């Protein structure tokens, strides 16, 4: 019996995801399988590739032939290099960034809003400060003007 490691298509129209399966090569693409050994979600960013390395090594060891697509996935995950004994077995699989929880997102938004409020308060205080300085300067000038008028009156009274 010819055994293949291939992709079994699942999902909706234009939203596919695949399972990496071991199946008889004479069966239909989405038909009966011997074992499911992984997942592949190409629409995610980066693509999700999960392979049960131990089972993949077993099936490759007993002669199962991977399809071109599955061979490419196995190379990315490092399982192909582990099987053939060549090069780096770490693979080049990119992982997605960890998602933040709703609580963390809310706390982050609260911090941003508080910082924005502080900034607005500082800007308002700076805008009011020059107005106060101008008022203080004009108040300083007014008594000086009055004292000069008093001085002028005093000198005119003396004369």
N, C-alpha and C. Protein backbone atom coordinates (compact mmCIF):
# COMPACT_ATOMS: atom_id res chain seq x y z
N UNK A 1 0.85 -1.18 0.00
CA UNK A 1 0.00 0.00 0.00
C UNK A 1 0.90 1.24 0.00
N UNK A 2 0.64 2.20 -0.89
CA UNK A 2 1.41 3.43 -0.99
C UNK A 2 0.82 4.46 -0.04
N UNK A 3 1.65 4.90 0.90
CA UNK A 3 1.18 5.85 1.91
C UNK A 3 1.78 7.22 1.62
N UNK A 4 0.94 8.25 1.69
CA UNK A 4 1.37 9.62 1.44
C UNK A 4 1.08 10.48 2.67
N UNK A 5 1.92 11.47 2.86
CA UNK A 5 1.65 12.52 3.86
C UNK A 5 1.20 13.71 3.04
N UNK A 6 -0.04 14.11 3.21
CA UNK A 6 -0.59 15.17 2.37
C UNK A 6 -1.54 16.07 3.15
N UNK A 7 -2.07 17.08 2.44
CA UNK A 7 -2.97 18.04 3.06
C UNK A 7 -4.41 17.63 2.81
N UNK A 8 -5.22 17.75 3.84
CA UNK A 8 -6.66 17.52 3.74
C UNK A 8 -7.31 18.88 3.89
N UNK A 9 -8.03 19.33 2.85
CA UNK A 9 -8.60 20.68 2.85
C UNK A 9 -9.87 20.72 3.70
N UNK A 10 -9.96 21.77 4.49
CA UNK A 10 -11.14 22.00 5.31
C UNK A 10 -11.46 23.49 5.26
N UNK A 11 -12.50 23.91 5.93
CA UNK A 11 -12.84 25.33 5.97
C UNK A 11 -13.90 25.70 4.95
N UNK A 12 -14.04 26.99 4.74
CA UNK A 12 -15.06 27.51 3.84
C UNK A 12 -14.44 27.91 2.51
N UNK A 13 -15.30 28.32 1.59
CA UNK A 13 -14.83 28.82 0.30
C UNK A 13 -14.02 30.08 0.56
N UNK A 14 -12.86 30.21 -0.04
CA UNK A 14 -11.92 31.33 0.12
C UNK A 14 -11.44 31.52 1.56
N UNK A 15 -11.64 30.55 2.41
CA UNK A 15 -11.10 30.60 3.77
C UNK A 15 -10.62 29.20 4.15
N UNK A 16 -9.64 28.68 3.42
CA UNK A 16 -9.23 27.30 3.68
C UNK A 16 -8.29 27.17 4.87
N UNK A 17 -8.34 26.01 5.46
CA UNK A 17 -7.28 25.58 6.36
C UNK A 17 -7.12 24.10 6.12
N UNK A 18 -5.97 23.59 6.47
CA UNK A 18 -5.64 22.22 6.12
C UNK A 18 -5.20 21.44 7.34
N UNK A 19 -5.39 20.13 7.24
CA UNK A 19 -4.82 19.22 8.22
C UNK A 19 -3.77 18.40 7.49
N UNK A 20 -2.64 18.19 8.13
CA UNK A 20 -1.59 17.35 7.55
C UNK A 20 -1.90 15.93 7.98
N UNK A 21 -2.15 15.07 7.00
CA UNK A 21 -2.62 13.71 7.30
C UNK A 21 -1.76 12.67 6.61
N UNK A 22 -1.81 11.47 7.14
CA UNK A 22 -1.19 10.31 6.52
C UNK A 22 -2.34 9.49 5.96
N UNK A 23 -2.32 9.23 4.64
CA UNK A 23 -3.43 8.52 4.01
C UNK A 23 -2.92 7.61 2.90
N UNK A 24 -3.75 6.64 2.53
CA UNK A 24 -3.48 5.78 1.39
C UNK A 24 -3.56 6.66 0.15
N UNK A 25 -2.60 6.54 -0.75
CA UNK A 25 -2.54 7.41 -1.92
C UNK A 25 -3.72 7.20 -2.86
N UNK A 26 -4.41 6.08 -2.76
CA UNK A 26 -5.53 5.80 -3.65
C UNK A 26 -6.84 6.41 -3.15
N UNK A 27 -6.85 6.93 -1.94
CA UNK A 27 -8.06 7.53 -1.38
C UNK A 27 -8.23 8.97 -1.88
N UNK A 28 -9.45 9.50 -1.74
CA UNK A 28 -9.72 10.88 -2.13
C UNK A 28 -8.96 11.84 -1.24
N UNK A 29 -8.79 13.08 -1.75
CA UNK A 29 -8.05 14.10 -1.01
C UNK A 29 -8.62 14.31 0.39
N UNK A 30 -9.93 14.41 0.49
CA UNK A 30 -10.56 14.65 1.79
C UNK A 30 -11.22 13.39 2.32
N UNK A 31 -10.79 12.24 1.84
CA UNK A 31 -11.41 10.98 2.25
C UNK A 31 -10.82 10.43 3.54
N UNK A 32 -10.90 9.12 3.68
CA UNK A 32 -10.44 8.44 4.90
C UNK A 32 -8.92 8.60 5.06
N UNK A 33 -8.51 8.80 6.30
CA UNK A 33 -7.09 8.97 6.60
C UNK A 33 -6.65 7.94 7.63
N UNK A 34 -5.36 7.70 7.64
CA UNK A 34 -4.79 6.79 8.64
C UNK A 34 -4.55 7.54 9.94
N UNK A 35 -3.93 8.71 9.82
CA UNK A 35 -3.62 9.50 11.03
C UNK A 35 -3.48 10.98 10.66
N UNK A 36 -3.88 11.82 11.58
CA UNK A 36 -3.71 13.26 11.43
C UNK A 36 -2.49 13.66 12.25
N UNK A 37 -1.50 14.34 11.59
CA UNK A 37 -0.27 14.66 12.31
C UNK A 37 0.02 16.16 12.40
N UNK A 38 -0.88 17.00 11.88
CA UNK A 38 -0.61 18.43 11.99
C UNK A 38 -1.69 19.31 11.40
N UNK A 39 -1.43 20.62 11.47
CA UNK A 39 -2.36 21.64 10.95
C UNK A 39 -1.57 22.65 10.13
N UNK A 40 -2.29 23.27 9.18
CA UNK A 40 -1.70 24.34 8.38
C UNK A 40 -2.80 25.34 8.06
N UNK A 41 -2.61 26.59 8.51
CA UNK A 41 -3.57 27.66 8.27
C UNK A 41 -2.86 28.75 7.46
N UNK A 42 -2.99 28.73 6.13
CA UNK A 42 -2.26 29.69 5.29
C UNK A 42 -2.80 31.11 5.34
N UNK A 43 -4.03 31.30 5.77
CA UNK A 43 -4.63 32.64 5.76
C UNK A 43 -4.22 33.48 6.96
N UNK A 44 -3.65 32.88 7.97
CA UNK A 44 -3.18 33.63 9.14
C UNK A 44 -1.90 34.37 8.77
N UNK A 45 -1.54 35.37 9.58
CA UNK A 45 -0.29 36.09 9.32
C UNK A 45 0.55 36.09 10.57
N UNK A 46 1.67 35.42 10.68
CA UNK A 46 2.23 34.48 9.72
C UNK A 46 1.44 33.17 9.71
N UNK A 47 1.62 32.38 8.67
CA UNK A 47 0.90 31.12 8.52
C UNK A 47 1.14 30.22 9.72
N UNK A 48 0.09 29.55 10.16
CA UNK A 48 0.20 28.64 11.30
C UNK A 48 0.56 27.26 10.77
N UNK A 49 1.66 26.72 11.29
CA UNK A 49 2.09 25.37 10.91
C UNK A 49 2.40 24.60 12.17
N UNK A 50 1.60 23.61 12.46
CA UNK A 50 1.83 22.76 13.62
C UNK A 50 1.99 21.33 13.13
N UNK A 51 3.10 20.71 13.49
CA UNK A 51 3.35 19.33 13.09
C UNK A 51 3.79 18.55 14.31
N UNK A 52 3.18 17.38 14.50
CA UNK A 52 3.61 16.47 15.56
C UNK A 52 4.90 15.81 15.05
N UNK A 53 6.02 16.36 15.49
CA UNK A 53 7.32 15.97 14.95
C UNK A 53 7.60 14.48 15.13
N UNK A 54 7.24 13.96 16.27
CA UNK A 54 7.50 12.55 16.55
C UNK A 54 6.77 11.64 15.55
N UNK A 55 5.49 11.93 15.30
CA UNK A 55 4.71 11.11 14.37
C UNK A 55 5.18 11.32 12.93
N UNK A 56 5.56 12.54 12.58
CA UNK A 56 6.06 12.80 11.24
C UNK A 56 7.35 11.99 11.00
N UNK A 57 8.23 11.97 11.99
CA UNK A 57 9.47 11.21 11.87
C UNK A 57 9.18 9.71 11.72
N UNK A 58 8.20 9.22 12.46
CA UNK A 58 7.82 7.82 12.37
C UNK A 58 7.36 7.48 10.96
N UNK A 59 6.41 8.28 10.42
CA UNK A 59 5.84 7.97 9.10
C UNK A 59 6.87 8.15 7.99
N UNK A 60 7.74 9.12 8.11
CA UNK A 60 8.81 9.26 7.12
C UNK A 60 9.76 8.06 7.20
N UNK A 61 10.00 7.60 8.42
CA UNK A 61 10.90 6.46 8.64
C UNK A 61 10.37 5.16 8.06
N UNK A 62 9.05 4.97 8.06
CA UNK A 62 8.48 3.72 7.53
C UNK A 62 8.15 3.83 6.05
N UNK A 63 8.50 4.96 5.41
CA UNK A 63 8.39 5.05 3.96
C UNK A 63 7.27 5.90 3.40
N UNK A 64 6.55 6.63 4.23
CA UNK A 64 5.49 7.50 3.70
C UNK A 64 6.13 8.64 2.92
N UNK A 65 5.57 8.94 1.75
CA UNK A 65 6.11 9.99 0.89
C UNK A 65 5.31 11.28 1.06
N UNK A 66 5.98 12.39 1.41
CA UNK A 66 5.25 13.65 1.52
C UNK A 66 5.00 14.26 0.14
N UNK A 67 3.88 14.97 -0.01
CA UNK A 67 3.63 15.71 -1.24
C UNK A 67 4.54 16.94 -1.24
N UNK A 68 4.57 17.67 -2.36
CA UNK A 68 5.45 18.84 -2.44
C UNK A 68 5.09 19.87 -1.37
N UNK A 69 3.79 20.10 -1.18
CA UNK A 69 3.36 21.10 -0.21
C UNK A 69 3.75 20.69 1.21
N UNK A 70 3.54 19.44 1.53
CA UNK A 70 3.87 18.96 2.88
C UNK A 70 5.38 18.94 3.07
N UNK A 71 6.13 18.61 2.03
CA UNK A 71 7.60 18.63 2.13
C UNK A 71 8.07 20.04 2.45
N UNK A 72 7.46 21.04 1.81
CA UNK A 72 7.83 22.43 2.09
C UNK A 72 7.51 22.80 3.54
N UNK A 73 6.36 22.35 4.05
CA UNK A 73 6.00 22.62 5.45
C UNK A 73 6.97 21.94 6.38
N UNK A 74 7.34 20.70 6.07
CA UNK A 74 8.29 19.97 6.92
C UNK A 74 9.66 20.64 6.92
N UNK A 75 10.04 21.25 5.80
CA UNK A 75 11.32 21.97 5.75
C UNK A 75 11.27 23.21 6.62
N UNK A 76 10.14 23.90 6.61
CA UNK A 76 10.00 25.12 7.42
C UNK A 76 10.02 24.78 8.91
N UNK A 77 9.36 23.71 9.29
CA UNK A 77 9.32 23.33 10.71
C UNK A 77 10.59 22.64 11.17
N UNK A 78 11.45 22.21 10.23
CA UNK A 78 12.72 21.57 10.58
C UNK A 78 12.64 20.06 10.66
N UNK A 79 11.46 19.48 10.42
CA UNK A 79 11.31 18.03 10.51
C UNK A 79 11.98 17.31 9.34
N UNK A 80 12.02 17.93 8.18
CA UNK A 80 12.66 17.30 7.02
C UNK A 80 14.16 17.19 7.24
N UNK A 81 14.78 18.26 7.77
CA UNK A 81 16.22 18.24 8.05
C UNK A 81 16.54 17.20 9.13
N UNK A 82 15.64 17.06 10.09
CA UNK A 82 15.83 16.07 11.15
C UNK A 82 15.77 14.66 10.56
N UNK A 83 14.88 14.44 9.61
CA UNK A 83 14.73 13.13 8.98
C UNK A 83 15.92 12.80 8.09
N UNK A 84 16.35 13.76 7.27
CA UNK A 84 17.45 13.49 6.34
C UNK A 84 18.82 13.62 6.99
N UNK A 85 18.87 14.27 8.15
CA UNK A 85 20.14 14.42 8.86
C UNK A 85 21.02 15.52 8.30
N UNK A 86 20.44 16.44 7.57
CA UNK A 86 21.22 17.51 6.97
C UNK A 86 20.88 18.86 7.60
N UNK A 87 21.89 19.66 7.77
CA UNK A 87 21.73 21.06 8.16
C UNK A 87 21.05 21.31 9.50
N UNK A 88 20.43 22.50 9.55
CA UNK A 88 19.82 23.01 10.77
C UNK A 88 18.45 22.38 11.00
N UNK A 89 18.26 21.77 12.14
CA UNK A 89 16.98 21.13 12.45
C UNK A 89 16.02 22.08 13.15
N UNK A 90 16.45 23.33 13.38
CA UNK A 90 15.58 24.28 14.07
C UNK A 90 14.45 24.76 13.17
N UNK A 91 14.66 24.85 11.87
CA UNK A 91 13.63 25.32 10.95
C UNK A 91 13.55 26.83 10.93
N UNK A 92 12.72 27.34 10.04
CA UNK A 92 12.58 28.79 9.88
C UNK A 92 11.16 29.24 10.18
N UNK A 93 10.47 28.52 11.01
CA UNK A 93 9.08 28.83 11.32
C UNK A 93 8.98 30.14 12.09
N UNK A 94 8.17 31.08 11.57
CA UNK A 94 7.93 32.35 12.25
C UNK A 94 6.73 32.17 13.17
N UNK A 95 6.79 32.77 14.32
CA UNK A 95 5.67 32.67 15.24
C UNK A 95 4.95 34.00 15.33
N UNK A 96 3.67 33.95 15.58
CA UNK A 96 2.87 35.17 15.70
C UNK A 96 3.16 35.84 17.03
N UNK A 97 2.96 37.15 17.05
CA UNK A 97 3.15 37.90 18.29
C UNK A 97 2.06 37.49 19.27
N UNK A 98 2.41 37.49 20.53
CA UNK A 98 1.44 37.12 21.55
C UNK A 98 0.31 38.15 21.57
N UNK A 99 -0.91 37.66 21.64
CA UNK A 99 -2.06 38.56 21.67
C UNK A 99 -2.21 39.12 23.08
N UNK A 100 -2.59 40.38 23.15
CA UNK A 100 -2.81 40.98 24.46
C UNK A 100 -4.23 40.69 24.90
N UNK A 101 -4.40 40.47 26.18
CA UNK A 101 -5.73 40.19 26.70
C UNK A 101 -6.54 41.47 26.72
N UNK A 102 -7.83 41.34 26.86
CA UNK A 102 -8.72 42.50 26.89
C UNK A 102 -8.40 43.39 28.09
N UNK A 103 -8.07 42.78 29.21
CA UNK A 103 -7.74 43.55 30.41
C UNK A 103 -6.49 44.40 30.19
N UNK A 104 -5.48 43.82 29.53
CA UNK A 104 -4.26 44.56 29.25
C UNK A 104 -4.52 45.71 28.28
N UNK A 105 -5.36 45.45 27.28
CA UNK A 105 -5.69 46.50 26.31
C UNK A 105 -6.42 47.66 26.98
N UNK A 106 -7.32 47.35 27.89
CA UNK A 106 -8.07 48.39 28.61
C UNK A 106 -7.12 49.19 29.49
N UNK A 107 -6.23 48.52 30.21
CA UNK A 107 -5.27 49.21 31.07
C UNK A 107 -4.37 50.12 30.25
N UNK A 108 -3.96 49.65 29.08
CA UNK A 108 -3.10 50.45 28.20
C UNK A 108 -3.85 51.69 27.70
N UNK A 109 -5.12 51.51 27.35
CA UNK A 109 -5.93 52.64 26.88
C UNK A 109 -6.13 53.66 28.00
N UNK A 110 -6.33 53.18 29.24
CA UNK A 110 -6.49 54.08 30.39
C UNK A 110 -5.23 54.90 30.61
N UNK A 111 -4.07 54.27 30.50
CA UNK A 111 -2.80 54.99 30.68
C UNK A 111 -2.64 56.06 29.60
N UNK A 112 -2.99 55.71 28.37
CA UNK A 112 -2.87 56.67 27.27
C UNK A 112 -3.81 57.85 27.48
N UNK A 113 -5.03 57.58 27.95
CA UNK A 113 -6.00 58.65 28.19
C UNK A 113 -5.53 59.55 29.33
N UNK A 114 -4.98 58.96 30.39
CA UNK A 114 -4.48 59.75 31.52
C UNK A 114 -3.31 60.64 31.07
N UNK A 115 -2.43 60.10 30.26
CA UNK A 115 -1.30 60.88 29.76
C UNK A 115 -1.79 62.03 28.88
N UNK A 116 -2.81 61.77 28.08
CA UNK A 116 -3.38 62.80 27.23
C UNK A 116 -4.01 63.92 28.06
N UNK A 117 -4.72 63.53 29.14
CA UNK A 117 -5.33 64.53 30.03
C UNK A 117 -4.27 65.39 30.69
N UNK A 118 -3.18 64.76 31.16
CA UNK A 118 -2.08 65.51 31.78
C UNK A 118 -1.46 66.49 30.80
N UNK A 119 -1.28 66.04 29.55
CA UNK A 119 -0.72 66.90 28.52
C UNK A 119 -1.61 68.10 28.26
N UNK A 120 -2.93 67.86 28.21
CA UNK A 120 -3.88 68.94 27.97
C UNK A 120 -3.87 69.92 29.14
N UNK A 121 -3.76 69.41 30.38
CA UNK A 121 -3.72 70.28 31.55
C UNK A 121 -2.46 71.14 31.54
N UNK A 122 -1.32 70.55 31.15
CA UNK A 122 -0.07 71.32 31.08
C UNK A 122 -0.17 72.40 30.01
N UNK A 123 -0.73 72.05 28.86
CA UNK A 123 -0.87 73.01 27.78
C UNK A 123 -1.79 74.16 28.20
N UNK A 124 -2.85 73.83 28.92
CA UNK A 124 -3.79 74.85 29.39
C UNK A 124 -3.10 75.76 30.41
N UNK A 125 -2.33 75.17 31.30
CA UNK A 125 -1.62 75.95 32.32
C UNK A 125 -0.58 76.87 31.65
N UNK A 126 0.09 76.39 30.64
CA UNK A 126 1.07 77.21 29.93
C UNK A 126 0.39 78.33 29.16
N UNK A 127 -0.81 78.06 28.63
CA UNK A 127 -1.55 79.08 27.90
C UNK A 127 -2.03 80.18 28.86
N UNK A 128 -2.41 79.81 30.07
CA UNK A 128 -2.88 80.77 31.07
C UNK A 128 -1.73 81.54 31.69
N UNK A 129 -0.58 80.95 31.76
CA UNK A 129 0.58 81.57 32.40
C UNK A 129 0.99 82.88 31.72
N UNK A 130 1.10 82.94 30.38
CA UNK A 130 1.44 84.22 29.75
C UNK A 130 0.38 85.29 29.99
N UNK A 131 -0.89 84.90 30.04
CA UNK A 131 -1.95 85.87 30.32
C UNK A 131 -1.79 86.44 31.72
N UNK A 132 -1.44 85.59 32.68
CA UNK A 132 -1.22 86.05 34.05
C UNK A 132 0.01 86.96 34.11
N UNK A 133 1.06 86.60 33.36
CA UNK A 133 2.28 87.41 33.34
C UNK A 133 2.00 88.79 32.77
N UNK A 134 1.19 88.86 31.70
CA UNK A 134 0.83 90.14 31.11
C UNK A 134 0.04 90.98 32.09
N UNK A 135 -0.89 90.33 32.81
CA UNK A 135 -1.71 91.05 33.80
C UNK A 135 -0.81 91.57 34.91
N UNK A 136 0.15 90.78 35.34
CA UNK A 136 1.06 91.19 36.40
C UNK A 136 1.94 92.34 35.93
N UNK A 137 2.40 92.28 34.68
CA UNK A 137 3.23 93.36 34.15
C UNK A 137 2.44 94.66 34.06
N UNK A 138 1.19 94.59 33.61
CA UNK A 138 0.38 95.81 33.50
C UNK A 138 0.06 96.35 34.89
N UNK A 139 -0.10 95.45 35.88
CA UNK A 139 -0.35 95.90 37.26
C UNK A 139 0.90 96.57 37.81
N UNK A 140 2.07 96.07 37.46
CA UNK A 140 3.32 96.69 37.90
C UNK A 140 3.50 98.05 37.27
N UNK A 141 3.10 98.20 36.03
CA UNK A 141 3.26 99.47 35.32
C UNK A 141 2.29 100.52 35.85
N UNK A 142 1.08 100.12 36.22
CA UNK A 142 0.06 101.08 36.69
C UNK A 142 0.51 101.81 37.94
N UNK A 143 0.99 101.15 39.00
CA UNK A 143 1.43 101.89 40.18
C UNK A 143 2.61 102.80 39.85
N UNK A 144 3.44 102.39 38.96
CA UNK A 144 4.58 103.24 38.60
C UNK A 144 4.07 104.50 37.91
N UNK A 145 3.05 104.35 37.10
CA UNK A 145 2.49 105.52 36.42
C UNK A 145 1.83 106.45 37.44
N UNK A 146 1.14 105.89 38.41
CA UNK A 146 0.49 106.71 39.45
C UNK A 146 1.53 107.46 40.27
N UNK A 147 2.60 106.78 40.59
CA UNK A 147 3.62 107.44 41.41
C UNK A 147 4.31 108.56 40.63
N UNK A 148 4.45 108.40 39.34
CA UNK A 148 5.04 109.49 38.55
C UNK A 148 4.08 110.67 38.45
N UNK A 149 2.76 110.37 38.40
CA UNK A 149 1.78 111.45 38.37
C UNK A 149 1.79 112.19 39.70
N UNK A 150 1.88 111.42 40.79
CA UNK A 150 1.94 112.04 42.12
C UNK A 150 3.18 112.89 42.25
N UNK A 151 4.28 112.39 41.70
CA UNK A 151 5.52 113.12 41.75
C UNK A 151 5.41 114.41 40.93
N UNK A 152 4.73 114.30 39.81
CA UNK A 152 4.55 115.49 38.97
C UNK A 152 3.68 116.51 39.66
N UNK A 153 2.61 116.08 40.33
CA UNK A 153 1.75 116.98 41.10
C UNK A 153 2.49 117.64 42.24
N UNK A 154 3.31 116.82 42.88
CA UNK A 154 4.08 117.37 44.01
C UNK A 154 5.04 118.43 43.52
N UNK A 155 5.67 118.23 42.41
CA UNK A 155 6.59 119.23 41.90
C UNK A 155 5.86 120.46 41.41
N UNK A 156 4.63 120.25 40.87
CA UNK A 156 3.87 121.41 40.43
C UNK A 156 3.33 122.19 41.62
N UNK A 157 3.04 121.54 42.74
CA UNK A 157 2.59 122.21 43.95
C UNK A 157 3.73 123.01 44.55
N UNK A 158 4.90 122.51 44.47
CA UNK A 158 6.04 123.19 45.01
C UNK A 158 6.38 124.42 44.18
N UNK A 159 6.12 124.35 42.92
CA UNK A 159 6.49 125.48 42.08
C UNK A 159 5.51 126.59 42.17
